[in-house]
Amino acid sequence: MDYLVDSNAIIDVVTEDARFFEWSSAALENAADTGLLCVNPIIFAEISIGFDRVEDARECIDGLDFQYADLPWDAAFLSGKAFASYRRQGGARRSPLPDFYIGAHAAVTGMTLLTRDPARYRSYFPKLILVAP
């Protein structure tokens, strides 16, 4: 089983977050024991905020032994549909699309999503397998 790892878990480990470091590091270690850990360009963009140079962001991802996964076109379609549903249901946030794209990527490729923020993923991708606190 392969895992798409949400940026929040990576950031928790890199910053040694006081609240979530233990959970995120244990979840990543457990996942790495059973499959590949993957990031996509959206996740990479989210974590890159904490780095001054692309080389440093890549070094971080490489040092954590992640694989780089391309975004499937079918995930783009599914994320758009999930976002449209969110807006129809009264979702006020104008830019949750990255989360929908991450969820859709995991869903269309059959990956498990490792995240510490599962609410939106559970709501819009009910069949998606999650690793979450």
C-alpha atoms as a PDB file:
ATOM      1  CA  MET A   1       0.000   0.000   0.000  1.00  0.00           C
ATOM      2  CA  ASP A   2       1.343   3.419  -0.962  1.00  0.00           C
ATOM      3  CA  TYR A   3       0.649   6.634   0.926  1.00  0.00           C
ATOM      4  CA  LEU A   4       0.074  10.158  -0.264  1.00  0.00           C
ATOM      5  CA  VAL A   5       1.295  12.286   2.643  1.00  0.00           C
ATOM      6  CA  ASP A   6      -0.489  15.565   3.323  1.00  0.00           C
ATOM      7  CA  SER A   7       1.759  18.562   3.894  1.00  0.00           C
ATOM      8  CA  ASN A   8       0.621  18.995   7.498  1.00  0.00           C
ATOM      9  CA  ALA A   9       2.263  15.722   8.580  1.00  0.00           C
ATOM     10  CA  ILE A  10       5.522  16.625   6.836  1.00  0.00           C
ATOM     11  CA  ILE A  11       5.554  20.111   8.340  1.00  0.00           C
ATOM     12  CA  ASP A  12       4.887  18.623  11.799  1.00  0.00           C
ATOM     13  CA  VAL A  13       8.020  16.495  11.517  1.00  0.00           C
ATOM     14  CA  VAL A  14      10.256  19.132   9.934  1.00  0.00           C
ATOM     15  CA  THR A  15       9.298  21.814  12.474  1.00  0.00           C
ATOM     16  CA  GLU A  16       9.058  19.361  15.393  1.00  0.00           C
ATOM     17  CA  ASP A  17       5.563  20.689  16.091  1.00  0.00           C
ATOM     18  CA  ALA A  18       4.863  20.555  19.835  1.00  0.00           C
ATOM     19  CA  ARG A  19       1.349  19.175  19.436  1.00  0.00           C
ATOM     20  CA  PHE A  20       1.600  16.824  16.437  1.00  0.00           C
ATOM     21  CA  PHE A  21       5.262  15.806  16.056  1.00  0.00           C
ATOM     22  CA  GLU A  22       4.836  12.483  17.856  1.00  0.00           C
ATOM     23  CA  TRP A  23       1.729  11.448  15.958  1.00  0.00           C
ATOM     24  CA  SER A  24       3.051  12.524  12.554  1.00  0.00           C
ATOM     25  CA  SER A  25       6.486  10.958  12.951  1.00  0.00           C
ATOM     26  CA  ALA A  26       5.004   7.654  14.195  1.00  0.00           C
ATOM     27  CA  ALA A  27       2.422   7.614  11.389  1.00  0.00           C
ATOM     28  CA  LEU A  28       5.117   8.247   8.766  1.00  0.00           C
ATOM     29  CA  GLU A  29       7.349   5.548  10.221  1.00  0.00           C
ATOM     30  CA  ASN A  30       4.498   3.023  10.293  1.00  0.00           C
ATOM     31  CA  ALA A  31       3.462   3.883   6.745  1.00  0.00           C
ATOM     32  CA  ALA A  32       7.037   3.591   5.482  1.00  0.00           C
ATOM     33  CA  ASP A  33       7.141   0.059   6.894  1.00  0.00           C
ATOM     34  CA  THR A  34       4.281  -1.026   4.613  1.00  0.00           C
ATOM     35  CA  GLY A  35       4.617   1.067   1.451  1.00  0.00           C
ATOM     36  CA  LEU A  36       5.973   4.077  -0.365  1.00  0.00           C
ATOM     37  CA  LEU A  37       5.557   7.602   0.969  1.00  0.00           C
ATOM     38  CA  CYS A  38       4.586  10.000  -1.811  1.00  0.00           C
ATOM     39  CA  VAL A  39       4.121  13.726  -2.366  1.00  0.00           C
ATOM     40  CA  ASN A  40       2.659  15.491  -5.369  1.00  0.00           C
ATOM     41  CA  PRO A  41       3.399  18.988  -6.707  1.00  0.00           C
ATOM     42  CA  ILE A  42       0.628  20.560  -4.618  1.00  0.00           C
ATOM     43  CA  ILE A  43       1.959  19.066  -1.397  1.00  0.00           C
ATOM     44  CA  PHE A  44       5.464  20.112  -2.419  1.00  0.00           C
ATOM     45  CA  ALA A  45       4.198  23.662  -3.005  1.00  0.00           C
ATOM     46  CA  GLU A  46       2.607  23.755   0.444  1.00  0.00           C
ATOM     47  CA  ILE A  47       5.764  22.640   2.234  1.00  0.00           C
ATOM     48  CA  SER A  48       8.030  24.825   0.099  1.00  0.00           C
ATOM     49  CA  ILE A  49       6.712  27.893   1.911  1.00  0.00           C
ATOM     50  CA  GLY A  50       9.087  27.038   4.750  1.00  0.00           C
ATOM     51  CA  PHE A  51      12.197  27.048   2.546  1.00  0.00           C
ATOM     52  CA  ASP A  52      14.113  29.788   0.771  1.00  0.00           C
ATOM     53  CA  ARG A  53      15.425  27.600  -2.060  1.00  0.00           C
ATOM     54  CA  VAL A  54      13.886  24.782  -4.089  1.00  0.00           C
ATOM     55  CA  GLU A  55      17.032  22.736  -3.442  1.00  0.00           C
ATOM     56  CA  ASP A  56      16.404  22.906   0.301  1.00  0.00           C
ATOM     57  CA  ALA A  57      12.791  21.798  -0.105  1.00  0.00           C
ATOM     58  CA  ARG A  58      13.882  18.894  -2.323  1.00  0.00           C
ATOM     59  CA  GLU A  59      16.602  17.934   0.160  1.00  0.00           C
ATOM     60  CA  CYS A  60      13.966  17.779   2.897  1.00  0.00           C
ATOM     61  CA  ILE A  61      11.677  15.539   0.838  1.00  0.00           C
ATOM     62  CA  ASP A  62      14.553  13.363  -0.335  1.00  0.00           C
ATOM     63  CA  GLY A  63      15.882  13.088   3.219  1.00  0.00           C
ATOM     64  CA  LEU A  64      12.527  11.765   4.364  1.00  0.00           C
ATOM     65  CA  ASP A  65      12.675   9.184   1.551  1.00  0.00           C
ATOM     66  CA  PHE A  66       9.545  10.343  -0.285  1.00  0.00           C
ATOM     67  CA  GLN A  67       8.684   9.531  -3.877  1.00  0.00           C
ATOM     68  CA  TYR A  68       7.499  12.275  -6.234  1.00  0.00           C
ATOM     69  CA  ALA A  69       4.089  11.401  -7.709  1.00  0.00           C
ATOM     70  CA  ASP A  70       2.659  13.093 -10.783  1.00  0.00           C
ATOM     71  CA  LEU A  71      -0.886  14.434 -10.636  1.00  0.00           C
ATOM     72  CA  PRO A  72      -3.319  12.337 -12.676  1.00  0.00           C
ATOM     73  CA  TRP A  73      -5.702  14.164 -15.008  1.00  0.00           C
ATOM     74  CA  ASP A  74      -8.626  12.194 -13.542  1.00  0.00           C
ATOM     75  CA  ALA A  75      -7.761  13.683 -10.146  1.00  0.00           C
ATOM     76  CA  ALA A  76      -8.145  17.171 -11.630  1.00  0.00           C
ATOM     77  CA  PHE A  77     -11.660  16.298 -12.757  1.00  0.00           C
ATOM     78  CA  LEU A  78     -12.623  14.692  -9.441  1.00  0.00           C
ATOM     79  CA  SER A  79     -11.208  17.583  -7.408  1.00  0.00           C
ATOM     80  CA  GLY A  80     -13.264  20.030  -9.455  1.00  0.00           C
ATOM     81  CA  LYS A  81     -16.422  18.015  -8.794  1.00  0.00           C
ATOM     82  CA  ALA A  82     -15.659  17.842  -5.059  1.00  0.00           C
ATOM     83  CA  PHE A  83     -15.053  21.589  -4.955  1.00  0.00           C
ATOM     84  CA  ALA A  84     -18.331  22.260  -6.801  1.00  0.00           C
ATOM     85  CA  SER A  85     -20.167  20.084  -4.274  1.00  0.00           C
ATOM     86  CA  TYR A  86     -18.497  21.944  -1.422  1.00  0.00           C
ATOM     87  CA  ARG A  87     -19.635  25.297  -2.823  1.00  0.00           C
ATOM     88  CA  ARG A  88     -23.211  24.018  -3.425  1.00  0.00           C
ATOM     89  CA  GLN A  89     -23.349  22.947   0.211  1.00  0.00           C
ATOM     90  CA  GLY A  90     -22.485  26.453   1.330  1.00  0.00           C
ATOM     91  CA  GLY A  91     -18.712  26.149   1.636  1.00  0.00           C
ATOM     92  CA  ALA A  92     -17.439  29.668   2.103  1.00  0.00           C
ATOM     93  CA  ARG A  93     -13.725  29.182   1.721  1.00  0.00           C
ATOM     94  CA  ARG A  94     -12.678  30.282  -1.739  1.00  0.00           C
ATOM     95  CA  SER A  95      -9.457  28.288  -1.957  1.00  0.00           C
ATOM     96  CA  PRO A  96      -9.787  24.768  -0.528  1.00  0.00           C
ATOM     97  CA  LEU A  97      -9.099  23.372  -3.987  1.00  0.00           C
ATOM     98  CA  PRO A  98      -5.597  22.103  -3.066  1.00  0.00           C
ATOM     99  CA  ASP A  99      -7.125  19.829  -0.404  1.00  0.00           C
ATOM    100  CA  PHE A 100      -9.662  18.508  -2.898  1.00  0.00           C
ATOM    101  CA  TYR A 101      -6.890  17.850  -5.405  1.00  0.00           C
ATOM    102  CA  ILE A 102      -4.851  15.965  -2.788  1.00  0.00           C
ATOM    103  CA  GLY A 103      -7.860  13.855  -1.814  1.00  0.00           C
ATOM    104  CA  ALA A 104      -8.755  13.191  -5.441  1.00  0.00           C
ATOM    105  CA  HIS A 105      -5.165  12.197  -6.249  1.00  0.00           C
ATOM    106  CA  ALA A 106      -5.184   9.602  -3.478  1.00  0.00           C
ATOM    107  CA  ALA A 107      -8.657   8.405  -4.475  1.00  0.00           C
ATOM    108  CA  VAL A 108      -8.004   7.877  -8.197  1.00  0.00           C
ATOM    109  CA  THR A 109      -4.643   6.184  -7.640  1.00  0.00           C
ATOM    110  CA  GLY A 110      -5.779   3.959  -4.762  1.00  0.00           C
ATOM    111  CA  MET A 111      -3.294   5.446  -2.319  1.00  0.00           C
ATOM    112  CA  THR A 112      -3.998   5.823   1.367  1.00  0.00           C
ATOM    113  CA  LEU A 113      -3.955   9.446   2.493  1.00  0.00           C
ATOM    114  CA  LEU A 114      -1.928  10.228   5.602  1.00  0.00           C
ATOM    115  CA  THR A 115      -3.199  13.467   7.137  1.00  0.00           C
ATOM    116  CA  ARG A 116      -3.904  14.942  10.525  1.00  0.00           C
ATOM    117  CA  ASP A 117      -6.816  16.963   9.135  1.00  0.00           C
ATOM    118  CA  PRO A 118      -9.277  14.326   7.867  1.00  0.00           C
ATOM    119  CA  ALA A 119     -12.680  16.099   8.056  1.00  0.00           C
ATOM    120  CA  ARG A 120     -12.916  17.445   4.498  1.00  0.00           C
ATOM    121  CA  TYR A 121     -11.423  14.276   3.029  1.00  0.00           C
ATOM    122  CA  ARG A 122     -13.975  12.116   4.850  1.00  0.00           C
ATOM    123  CA  SER A 123     -16.832  14.325   3.697  1.00  0.00           C
ATOM    124  CA  TYR A 124     -15.940  14.531   0.002  1.00  0.00           C
ATOM    125  CA  PHE A 125     -14.054  11.271  -0.534  1.00  0.00           C
ATOM    126  CA  PRO A 126     -15.931   8.798   1.691  1.00  0.00           C
ATOM    127  CA  LYS A 127     -14.265   5.711   0.180  1.00  0.00           C
ATOM    128  CA  LEU A 128     -10.760   7.095   0.621  1.00  0.00           C
ATOM    129  CA  ILE A 129      -8.676   5.188   3.152  1.00  0.00           C
ATOM    130  CA  LEU A 130      -7.168   7.598   5.658  1.00  0.00           C
ATOM    131  CA  VAL A 131      -4.484   7.431   8.310  1.00  0.00           C
ATOM    132  CA  ALA A 132      -5.414  10.186  10.742  1.00  0.00           C
ATOM    133  CA  PRO A 133      -5.394  10.848  14.478  1.00  0.00           C
END
